Protein backbone atom coordinates (compact mmCIF):
# COMPACT_ATOMS: atom_id res chain seq x y z
CA MET A 1 -32.47 16.62 4.12
CA ALA A 2 -28.78 17.30 3.54
CA PHE A 3 -25.91 14.83 3.41
CA SER A 4 -22.14 14.72 3.68
CA ILE A 5 -19.36 12.49 2.37
CA ARG A 6 -16.98 10.81 4.80
CA SER A 7 -14.05 8.46 4.49
CA VAL A 8 -14.61 5.16 6.27
CA SER A 9 -12.78 1.88 6.64
CA TRP A 10 -13.41 -1.05 4.32
CA ASP A 11 -15.20 -2.98 7.06
CA ASP A 12 -17.56 -0.16 8.05
CA PRO A 13 -20.97 -1.87 8.57
CA ALA A 14 -22.90 0.81 6.66
CA GLY A 15 -20.50 0.45 3.73
CA GLU A 16 -20.89 -3.32 3.78
CA ALA A 17 -24.69 -2.94 3.76
CA LEU A 18 -24.62 -0.57 0.78
CA ARG A 19 -22.30 -2.93 -1.15
CA ALA A 20 -24.75 -5.77 -0.47
CA ALA A 21 -27.67 -3.64 -1.69
CA MET A 22 -25.75 -2.84 -4.86
CA ARG A 23 -24.96 -6.51 -5.50
CA ALA A 24 -28.66 -7.36 -5.17
CA GLU A 25 -29.70 -4.57 -7.56
CA ILE A 26 -27.07 -5.53 -10.14
CA ARG A 27 -28.03 -9.20 -9.90
CA GLU A 28 -31.62 -8.21 -10.65
CA ARG A 29 -30.75 -5.88 -13.56
CA TYR A 30 -28.45 -8.39 -15.19
CA ALA A 31 -30.14 -11.64 -14.11
CA ASP A 32 -29.99 -13.20 -17.58
CA ARG A 33 -26.24 -12.50 -17.85
CA MET A 34 -25.14 -13.44 -14.35
CA PRO A 35 -23.41 -16.66 -13.36
CA PRO A 36 -24.91 -18.62 -10.47
CA VAL A 37 -24.66 -17.01 -7.03
CA GLY A 38 -21.20 -17.63 -5.61
CA ASP A 39 -19.59 -17.99 -9.06
CA GLU A 40 -19.35 -14.32 -10.03
CA PRO A 41 -15.67 -13.27 -9.98
CA GLN A 42 -16.34 -9.91 -11.67
CA MET A 43 -18.78 -9.05 -8.89
CA VAL A 44 -16.40 -9.79 -6.03
CA VAL A 45 -14.64 -6.79 -4.57
CA THR A 46 -12.42 -7.43 -1.58
CA SER A 47 -10.33 -5.05 0.48
CA GLU A 48 -7.27 -5.94 -1.62
CA GLY A 49 -5.90 -2.81 -3.27
CA VAL A 50 -8.60 -0.55 -1.78
CA VAL A 51 -7.12 2.84 -0.92
CA TRP A 52 -10.26 4.83 -0.07
CA VAL A 53 -13.89 4.15 0.82
CA GLY A 54 -16.38 7.01 0.75
CA LEU A 55 -19.79 6.99 2.35
CA ALA A 56 -22.57 9.50 1.76
CA VAL A 57 -24.44 10.02 5.02
CA ALA A 58 -27.70 11.89 5.52
CA ASP A 59 -27.92 14.39 8.37
CA ASP A 60 -29.90 11.84 10.40
CA GLY A 61 -26.96 9.40 10.17
CA THR A 62 -28.42 7.12 7.51
CA ALA A 63 -25.86 5.82 5.00
CA ILE A 64 -27.22 6.68 1.55
CA GLY A 65 -24.33 6.20 -0.90
CA HIS A 66 -21.01 4.47 -1.38
CA ALA A 67 -17.95 4.54 -3.64
CA LEU A 68 -14.45 3.23 -3.31
CA LEU A 69 -11.13 3.49 -5.06
CA ARG A 70 -8.77 0.60 -5.56
CA ARG A 71 -5.47 0.30 -7.34
CA HIS A 72 -5.53 -0.97 -10.90
CA GLY A 73 -1.96 -0.76 -12.13
CA PRO A 74 -0.94 2.91 -12.03
CA ASP A 75 -4.59 4.01 -12.15
CA LEU A 76 -7.25 4.10 -9.49
CA GLU A 77 -10.50 2.30 -10.27
CA ILE A 78 -13.92 3.35 -8.97
CA LYS A 79 -15.84 0.42 -7.60
CA ARG A 80 -19.19 0.00 -5.90
CA MET A 81 -20.55 3.44 -6.77
CA TYR A 82 -24.07 3.19 -5.38
CA VAL A 83 -26.83 5.47 -4.13
CA ALA A 84 -29.85 4.20 -2.21
CA PRO A 85 -32.94 4.41 -4.45
CA ALA A 86 -34.76 6.95 -2.24
CA TRP A 87 -31.80 9.34 -2.62
CA ARG A 88 -31.28 9.14 -6.37
CA GLY A 89 -31.63 12.36 -8.33
CA ARG A 90 -30.59 14.48 -5.32
CA GLY A 91 -26.90 15.03 -6.12
CA VAL A 92 -25.48 12.20 -4.00
CA ALA A 93 -23.78 10.40 -6.89
CA ALA A 94 -22.22 13.64 -8.15
CA ALA A 95 -20.93 14.44 -4.65
CA LEU A 96 -19.45 10.95 -4.33
CA LEU A 97 -17.80 11.31 -7.73
CA ASP A 98 -16.34 14.68 -6.71
CA ALA A 99 -14.97 13.09 -3.51
CA VAL A 100 -13.48 10.22 -5.52
CA GLU A 101 -11.67 12.68 -7.78
CA VAL A 102 -10.34 14.72 -4.85
CA GLU A 103 -8.94 11.56 -3.29
CA ALA A 104 -7.49 10.38 -6.62
CA ARG A 105 -5.68 13.74 -7.01
CA ARG A 106 -4.40 13.49 -3.45
CA LEU A 107 -3.03 10.01 -4.19
CA GLY A 108 -1.43 11.18 -7.46
CA ALA A 109 -3.37 8.86 -9.77
CA PRO A 110 -2.71 9.50 -13.46
CA ARG A 111 -6.28 8.39 -14.25
CA VAL A 112 -9.47 7.28 -12.62
CA ILE A 113 -11.05 4.35 -14.47
CA LEU A 114 -14.34 2.52 -14.06
CA HIS A 115 -16.64 -0.09 -15.49
CA THR A 116 -20.40 0.04 -15.78
CA GLY A 117 -22.94 -1.78 -17.88
CA ASP A 118 -25.40 -1.08 -20.64
CA ARG A 119 -28.35 -1.60 -18.27
CA GLN A 120 -27.22 1.33 -16.15
CA PRO A 121 -27.87 4.28 -18.48
CA GLU A 122 -28.15 6.66 -15.53
CA ALA A 123 -24.60 5.75 -14.49
CA VAL A 124 -23.27 6.17 -18.03
CA ALA A 125 -24.93 9.59 -18.25
CA LEU A 126 -23.46 10.64 -14.88
CA TYR A 127 -19.92 9.68 -15.88
CA VAL A 128 -20.17 11.41 -19.28
CA ARG A 129 -21.55 14.59 -17.63
CA HIS A 130 -18.55 14.55 -15.32
CA GLY A 131 -16.02 14.34 -18.15
CA TYR A 132 -15.28 10.63 -18.21
CA GLN A 133 -14.30 9.39 -21.67
CA PRO A 134 -14.92 5.89 -23.08
CA ILE A 135 -11.87 3.62 -23.07
CA PRO A 136 -11.35 0.05 -24.27
CA VAL A 137 -12.87 -2.57 -22.00
CA TYR A 138 -10.20 -3.80 -19.57
CA GLY A 139 -9.46 -6.62 -17.15
CA VAL A 140 -12.19 -9.06 -16.16
CA TYR A 141 -14.71 -7.06 -18.20
CA VAL A 142 -13.18 -8.04 -21.56
CA GLY A 143 -15.75 -10.15 -23.37
CA MET A 144 -18.53 -9.21 -20.97
CA PRO A 145 -21.71 -8.34 -22.90
CA GLY A 146 -22.70 -4.69 -22.54
CA ALA A 147 -19.54 -3.63 -20.69
CA HIS A 148 -18.66 0.07 -20.80
CA CYS A 149 -15.40 1.43 -19.42
CA PHE A 150 -14.45 5.05 -18.87
CA ALA A 151 -11.47 7.10 -17.69
CA LYS A 152 -10.73 10.62 -16.54
CA VAL A 153 -7.56 12.43 -15.61
CA PRO A 154 -8.25 13.94 -12.18
CA SER A 155 -7.68 17.64 -12.82
CA ALA A 156 -6.88 20.34 -10.31
CA THR A 157 -10.45 21.62 -10.66
CA GLY A 158 -12.25 18.27 -10.53
């Protein structure tokens, strides 16, 4: 089955559902490092500063992936990059990343930055394959065990 990437609003129900699925998966992967439910400021992403939300949608209309861009100083930060487990390994994450970079170029961002963790080796590998370079840990991630941060200048060719 094929899929496409579309821009949606922050409050799109399918986007909200995918963000909730991601929170649950991250909570499980990092259970021993997580604060109690409701006390996790680094996990909270609100609509503040969000400039683009992308949704990967299968041909049957099922939402299968999500990514968003929000302002972080002069840069744009990727948040909530997530692909439904049944769709992993099928190019959805790469397509979302390509869409993120197209939007970042359109918005004139000098860099696209992101944070991921050491218990997400598949995410680290994806970002490295797509030309993201390690940068110092920034913002709320400073001091967080296993934090990895990356950046890429959105080029004309992606």
